[in-house]
Amino acid sequence: MGERKGQNKYYPPDYDPRAGGLNKFLGTHALRERARKLDQGILIIRFEMPYNIWCDECKNHIGMGVRYNAEKKKVGMYYTTPVYQFRMKCHLCDNHFEIKTDPGNLDYVIVSGARRQENRWDPTQNGQIVPDDKDMQKRLFDDAMFKLEHTAKDVKTADEAKPVLGRLFQRNEDVWADPYESNSRLRLDFRTKKKELKASEEIDRALLAKSSLAIDLVPENEDDKHMASLMSLQTVQSSEEEAAQRRQNVINRPSLPGSTILSFGGTRAEKLLSKKLNPSDLGIRKRPSATEVSPAVKKVSLVGDYSSSSSESDTS
């Protein structure tokens, strides 16, 4: 196919081979629009996001692997390795962010316009094998005792991991002993979850249509149900009802110092008016009829026991 590349180009009739090439004759670059800023040391490339980031302008998440047309330029050197910086525009807003290479740590560093989503951890905490860095390799080469200790530690770690790896391997063999059965079980679980999600979406859609809302509903849980049941039992009073309640409390408040609210029929009278109870239920004596009144007793009070003392003084 290499011999056909020359045949795929159009050479105009006035083409002069002495110009040195078709691009030089036409005054164009072989990279076309990608080289429009080449005089500034900038080359347009296709850059792929190396990790998850957050845009500082629109606060949106940009996942790893999203590709952009980035301006690539050289900004320095790390020993004999060039350091490149890439400038690109967010596809969700007008913000620009810049990322440069870090050859010393084999990583990328955000210069401006975004921040990295931290998903890094120490690989030694979960039993991963970490490759030795240059300092470790140099020490292993120079120090024989350190190399012996390091090798013994690696052998001990491998011996401790063998039983765990054996159990994991055996479990994998047991689960996938019958591929058809395992696949059927997984597909059954997927179908069940799909039906549940579809039913939940229909319920949410009906609820939104009934309430004339256009919001995203989250799945309900037991805490939400319990809180809703408690809120339904609460009674909300209006401002007029609260004002009426305050006036009633002021009316029922005893006016004499040292008196209690039970004096002079305050709470008792309120219970009689609200619940319509018999006076005997609250401990209040019933007013006697005209035929039952003794000639010696002139007056009976419903409030307290003051009438007994007055009647005794009159009879004496």
Protein backbone atom coordinates (compact mmCIF):
# COMPACT_ATOMS: atom_id res chain seq x y z
CA MET A 1 0.00 0.00 0.00
CA GLY A 2 2.95 2.32 0.48
CA GLU A 3 3.57 2.67 -3.25
CA ARG A 4 0.02 3.97 -3.78
CA LYS A 5 0.32 7.00 -1.51
CA GLY A 6 1.70 9.11 -4.27
CA GLN A 7 -1.24 8.26 -6.52
CA ASN A 8 -3.82 9.46 -3.97
CA LYS A 9 -2.73 13.11 -4.24
CA TYR A 10 -3.94 15.58 -6.78
CA TYR A 11 -1.23 17.42 -8.63
CA PRO A 12 -2.46 20.54 -10.42
CA PRO A 13 -1.39 21.17 -14.00
CA ASP A 14 0.90 24.06 -13.00
CA TYR A 15 2.75 21.95 -10.41
CA ASP A 16 6.53 22.38 -10.51
CA PRO A 17 8.53 19.48 -9.02
CA ARG A 18 11.38 21.86 -8.31
CA ALA A 19 9.29 23.38 -5.48
CA GLY A 20 10.30 20.42 -3.29
CA GLY A 21 6.90 18.88 -2.65
CA LEU A 22 3.18 19.35 -3.05
CA ASN A 23 2.73 20.98 0.39
CA LYS A 24 5.46 23.51 -0.28
CA PHE A 25 4.01 24.22 -3.69
CA LEU A 26 0.54 24.85 -2.25
CA GLY A 27 1.88 26.71 0.82
CA THR A 28 0.23 24.36 3.29
CA HIS A 29 1.42 22.11 6.12
CA ALA A 30 1.11 18.37 6.14
CA LEU A 31 -0.84 18.53 9.42
CA ARG A 32 -3.29 21.14 8.05
CA GLU A 33 -5.29 22.81 10.87
CA ARG A 34 -3.37 21.01 13.59
CA ALA A 35 -0.32 23.11 12.73
CA ARG A 36 -2.01 26.52 12.61
CA LYS A 37 -0.09 27.64 15.77
CA LEU A 38 3.13 25.86 14.96
CA ASP A 39 4.99 29.17 14.71
CA GLN A 40 4.24 29.66 18.44
CA GLY A 41 5.55 26.20 19.32
CA ILE A 42 1.99 24.83 19.75
CA LEU A 43 0.70 21.68 18.09
CA ILE A 44 -2.97 20.64 18.18
CA ILE A 45 -3.28 17.02 19.28
CA ARG A 46 -6.00 14.68 20.51
CA PHE A 47 -5.58 14.49 24.29
CA GLU A 48 -7.23 11.83 26.47
CA MET A 49 -8.02 12.68 30.11
CA PRO A 50 -5.68 10.57 32.29
CA TYR A 51 -7.95 10.62 35.40
CA ASN A 52 -11.22 12.03 36.74
CA ILE A 53 -11.33 15.78 37.29
CA TRP A 54 -13.78 18.52 38.37
CA CYS A 55 -14.10 21.69 36.31
CA ASP A 56 -13.56 24.84 38.41
CA GLU A 57 -16.02 26.89 36.38
CA CYS A 58 -19.12 24.73 35.92
CA LYS A 59 -18.30 22.27 38.76
CA ASN A 60 -19.12 19.32 36.47
CA HIS A 61 -17.40 15.97 36.59
CA ILE A 62 -15.22 14.96 33.64
CA GLY A 63 -14.41 11.28 33.54
CA MET A 64 -11.18 9.56 32.68
CA GLY A 65 -10.87 8.82 28.98
CA VAL A 66 -12.76 11.87 27.67
CA ARG A 67 -10.90 13.26 24.66
CA TYR A 68 -10.23 16.90 23.75
CA ASN A 69 -8.45 18.86 21.07
CA ALA A 70 -5.56 20.20 23.15
CA GLU A 71 -2.75 22.66 22.46
CA LYS A 72 0.53 20.90 23.18
CA LYS A 73 3.69 22.86 23.91
CA LYS A 74 7.03 22.20 25.53
CA VAL A 75 7.52 24.00 28.87
CA GLY A 76 10.71 22.47 30.26
CA MET A 77 12.99 19.50 30.67
CA TYR A 78 13.36 16.78 33.27
CA TYR A 79 16.93 15.74 32.74
CA THR A 80 16.76 14.59 29.09
CA THR A 81 12.96 14.13 29.03
CA PRO A 82 10.85 17.05 27.76
CA VAL A 83 7.94 18.29 29.86
CA TYR A 84 4.80 19.05 27.84
CA GLN A 85 1.79 21.12 28.81
CA PHE A 86 -1.69 20.69 27.32
CA ARG A 87 -4.38 23.38 27.20
CA MET A 88 -7.96 22.45 26.36
CA LYS A 89 -11.49 23.83 26.67
CA CYS A 90 -14.21 22.23 28.77
CA HIS A 91 -17.00 20.83 26.60
CA LEU A 92 -19.65 21.89 29.17
CA CYS A 93 -18.64 25.55 29.64
CA ASP A 94 -16.16 28.18 28.41
CA ASN A 95 -13.48 27.33 30.95
CA HIS A 96 -9.97 26.29 29.88
CA PHE A 97 -7.77 24.03 31.97
CA GLU A 98 -4.13 23.10 31.62
CA ILE A 99 -2.39 19.81 32.44
CA LYS A 100 1.31 19.04 32.18
CA THR A 101 3.37 15.88 32.36
CA ASP A 102 5.40 14.90 35.43
CA PRO A 103 8.13 12.49 34.25
CA GLY A 104 9.69 12.32 37.72
CA ASN A 105 6.57 10.72 39.24
CA LEU A 106 5.22 9.15 36.02
CA ASP A 107 2.01 11.18 36.36
CA TYR A 108 0.09 14.22 35.11
CA VAL A 109 -0.29 17.44 37.12
CA ILE A 110 -3.17 19.93 36.81
CA VAL A 111 -1.80 23.45 36.39
CA SER A 112 -5.02 25.49 36.41
CA GLY A 113 -8.74 25.41 35.64
CA ALA A 114 -9.62 22.08 37.28
CA ARG A 115 -8.96 19.88 40.27
CA ARG A 116 -8.31 16.18 40.49
CA GLN A 117 -10.74 13.68 41.97
CA GLU A 118 -8.67 11.87 44.56
CA ASN A 119 -8.91 8.13 44.02
CA ARG A 120 -5.35 7.34 45.03
CA TRP A 121 -4.38 5.15 47.97
CA ASP A 122 -1.40 3.31 49.33
CA PRO A 123 -1.24 0.00 47.42
CA THR A 124 0.56 -1.67 50.29
CA GLN A 125 -2.54 -1.33 52.50
CA ASN A 126 -4.59 -3.79 50.44
CA GLY A 127 -1.82 -6.27 49.74
CA GLN A 128 -0.82 -5.09 46.28
CA ILE A 129 2.69 -5.67 44.96
CA VAL A 130 4.48 -2.35 44.56
CA PRO A 131 7.44 -2.16 42.17
CA ASP A 132 10.70 -1.03 43.69
CA ASP A 133 11.79 2.52 42.96
CA LYS A 134 15.29 3.55 41.90
CA ASP A 135 16.52 4.15 45.45
CA MET A 136 15.34 0.71 46.51
CA GLN A 137 16.98 -0.93 43.52
CA LYS A 138 20.24 0.90 44.20
CA ARG A 139 20.21 -0.17 47.85
CA LEU A 140 19.47 -3.78 46.89
CA PHE A 141 22.44 -3.73 44.52
CA ASP A 142 24.88 -2.17 47.00
CA ASP A 143 23.83 -3.68 50.36
CA ALA A 144 23.95 -7.50 50.47
CA MET A 145 22.40 -7.75 53.97
CA PHE A 146 19.51 -5.50 53.00
CA LYS A 147 18.96 -7.62 49.91
CA LEU A 148 18.85 -10.78 52.04
CA GLU A 149 16.33 -9.23 54.48
CA HIS A 150 14.22 -7.96 51.61
CA THR A 151 14.18 -11.36 49.94
CA ALA A 152 13.24 -13.13 53.19
CA LYS A 153 10.39 -10.65 53.71
CA ASP A 154 9.10 -11.27 50.20
CA VAL A 155 9.18 -15.04 50.72
CA LYS A 156 7.26 -14.71 54.00
CA THR A 157 4.63 -12.50 52.35
CA ALA A 158 4.22 -15.00 49.53
CA ASP A 159 3.79 -17.90 51.99
CA GLU A 160 1.10 -15.97 53.88
CA ALA A 161 -0.76 -15.17 50.66
CA LYS A 162 -0.79 -18.73 49.30
CA PRO A 163 -3.73 -20.01 51.43
CA VAL A 164 -5.84 -16.97 50.55
CA LEU A 165 -5.08 -17.32 46.87
CA GLY A 166 -5.91 -21.04 47.07
CA ARG A 167 -9.32 -20.35 48.62
CA LEU A 168 -10.08 -17.69 46.02
CA PHE A 169 -9.08 -20.02 43.21
CA GLN A 170 -11.23 -22.83 44.64
CA ARG A 171 -14.21 -20.52 45.02
CA ASN A 172 -13.85 -19.38 41.44
CA GLU A 173 -13.74 -23.00 40.32
CA ASP A 174 -16.87 -23.85 42.33
CA VAL A 175 -18.84 -20.89 41.03
CA TRP A 176 -17.92 -21.36 37.37
CA ALA A 177 -17.84 -25.16 37.35
CA ASP A 178 -20.97 -25.08 35.19
CA PRO A 179 -20.78 -21.98 32.96
CA TYR A 180 -24.34 -22.42 31.65
CA GLU A 181 -25.83 -22.58 35.16
CA SER A 182 -23.81 -19.59 36.34
CA ASN A 183 -24.78 -17.56 33.31
CA SER A 184 -28.44 -18.46 33.71
CA ARG A 185 -28.39 -17.42 37.37
CA LEU A 186 -26.81 -14.08 36.54
CA ARG A 187 -29.28 -13.40 33.74
CA LEU A 188 -32.17 -14.25 36.08
CA ASP A 189 -30.88 -11.75 38.64
CA PHE A 190 -30.52 -9.10 35.95
CA ARG A 191 -34.06 -9.67 34.68
CA THR A 192 -35.49 -9.48 38.20
CA LYS A 193 -33.71 -6.19 38.92
CA LYS A 194 -34.80 -4.83 35.56
CA LYS A 195 -38.46 -5.57 36.31
CA GLU A 196 -38.18 -3.93 39.73
CA LEU A 197 -36.61 -0.82 38.23
CA LYS A 198 -39.26 -0.65 35.53
CA ALA A 199 -42.09 -0.94 38.09
CA SER A 200 -40.49 1.73 40.25
CA GLU A 201 -40.14 4.07 37.27
CA GLU A 202 -43.82 3.63 36.40
CA ILE A 203 -44.86 4.45 39.98
CA ASP A 204 -42.64 7.53 40.02
CA ARG A 205 -43.96 8.65 36.65
CA ALA A 206 -47.56 8.34 37.82
CA LEU A 207 -46.78 10.24 41.03
CA LEU A 208 -45.08 13.06 39.13
CA ALA A 209 -47.96 13.29 36.67
CA LYS A 210 -50.46 13.43 39.53
CA SER A 211 -48.52 16.10 41.40
CA SER A 212 -47.57 18.09 38.25
CA LEU A 213 -43.89 17.97 39.18
CA ALA A 214 -40.74 17.66 37.10
CA ILE A 215 -38.13 16.53 39.63
CA ASP A 216 -36.03 13.44 40.11
CA LEU A 217 -37.39 11.10 42.78
CA VAL A 218 -35.06 9.06 44.94
CA PRO A 219 -35.96 5.59 46.23
CA GLU A 220 -37.89 5.66 49.49
CA ASN A 221 -36.65 3.94 52.62
CA GLU A 222 -38.03 3.03 56.03
CA ASP A 223 -36.74 6.22 57.67
CA ASP A 224 -38.69 8.35 55.18
CA LYS A 225 -41.87 6.37 55.82
CA HIS A 226 -41.49 6.71 59.58
CA MET A 227 -40.89 10.47 59.31
CA ALA A 228 -43.90 10.93 57.03
CA SER A 229 -46.14 9.04 59.46
CA LEU A 230 -44.98 11.24 62.33
CA MET A 231 -45.60 14.41 60.34
CA SER A 232 -49.11 13.28 59.43
CA LEU A 233 -50.02 12.97 63.14
CA GLN A 234 -48.92 16.49 63.98
CA THR A 235 -51.57 19.23 64.10
CA VAL A 236 -50.63 22.62 62.74
CA GLN A 237 -52.37 25.59 64.33
CA SER A 238 -52.99 28.84 62.55
CA SER A 239 -52.04 32.22 63.95
CA GLU A 240 -55.67 32.93 64.90
CA GLU A 241 -55.90 29.70 66.87
CA GLU A 242 -52.63 30.43 68.65
CA ALA A 243 -53.84 33.92 69.56
CA ALA A 244 -57.13 32.50 70.88
CA GLN A 245 -55.20 29.96 72.94
CA ARG A 246 -53.05 32.70 74.47
CA ARG A 247 -56.11 34.75 75.35
CA GLN A 248 -57.70 31.72 77.01
CA ASN A 249 -54.54 31.14 79.05
CA VAL A 250 -54.58 34.77 80.21
CA ILE A 251 -58.24 34.49 81.22
CA ASN A 252 -57.66 31.26 83.15
CA ARG A 253 -54.58 32.65 84.93
CA PRO A 254 -55.29 33.35 88.64
CA SER A 255 -55.34 37.04 89.52
CA LEU A 256 -54.55 36.73 93.23
CA PRO A 257 -50.92 36.21 94.28
CA GLY A 258 -50.19 32.80 95.70
CA SER A 259 -53.21 31.22 94.02
CA THR A 260 -52.95 28.24 91.76
CA ILE A 261 -54.57 27.67 88.42
CA LEU A 262 -56.94 25.19 90.03
CA SER A 263 -58.40 27.92 92.25
CA PHE A 264 -61.64 29.67 91.41
CA GLY A 265 -62.64 27.08 88.86
CA GLY A 266 -60.03 27.98 86.22
CA THR A 267 -59.01 24.62 84.78
CA ARG A 268 -62.08 22.88 86.15
CA ALA A 269 -64.42 25.28 84.42
CA GLU A 270 -62.47 24.90 81.16
CA LYS A 271 -62.80 21.11 81.37
CA LEU A 272 -66.51 21.43 81.97
CA LEU A 273 -66.93 23.67 78.94
CA SER A 274 -64.69 21.60 76.62
CA LYS A 275 -65.49 18.01 77.59
CA LYS A 276 -68.99 18.53 79.09
CA LEU A 277 -68.25 16.35 82.11
CA ASN A 278 -70.36 16.00 85.19
CA PRO A 279 -69.33 18.21 88.12
CA SER A 280 -68.92 15.11 90.26
CA ASP A 281 -66.23 13.80 87.89
CA LEU A 282 -64.02 16.77 88.72
CA GLY A 283 -64.71 16.80 92.48
CA ILE A 284 -67.10 19.80 92.42
CA ARG A 285 -70.17 19.58 94.59
CA LYS A 286 -73.50 19.83 92.84
CA ARG A 287 -75.72 22.83 93.68
CA PRO A 288 -78.68 21.60 95.82
CA SER A 289 -82.23 22.28 94.75
CA ALA A 290 -84.53 24.72 96.51
CA THR A 291 -86.30 21.95 98.43
CA GLU A 292 -83.03 20.49 99.66
CA VAL A 293 -81.58 23.74 101.00
CA SER A 294 -81.61 23.90 104.80
CA PRO A 295 -83.08 27.05 106.36
CA ALA A 296 -79.93 27.51 108.36
CA VAL A 297 -77.70 27.48 105.26
CA LYS A 298 -77.97 30.71 103.35
CA LYS A 299 -75.47 30.16 100.49
CA VAL A 300 -73.41 27.35 98.98
CA SER A 301 -70.30 28.12 96.91
CA LEU A 302 -69.23 26.01 93.95
CA VAL A 303 -65.69 27.31 94.07
CA GLY A 304 -64.25 26.05 97.33
CA ASP A 305 -65.10 24.98 100.86
CA TYR A 306 -65.74 28.52 102.11
CA SER A 307 -69.49 27.83 102.52
CA SER A 308 -68.88 25.21 105.19
CA SER A 309 -67.18 27.66 107.50
CA SER A 310 -69.82 30.32 106.95
CA SER A 311 -72.64 27.88 107.56
CA GLU A 312 -71.05 26.63 110.75
CA SER A 313 -70.70 30.18 112.05
CA ASP A 314 -74.32 30.93 111.21
CA THR A 315 -75.63 27.82 112.99
CA SER A 316 -73.58 28.56 116.02
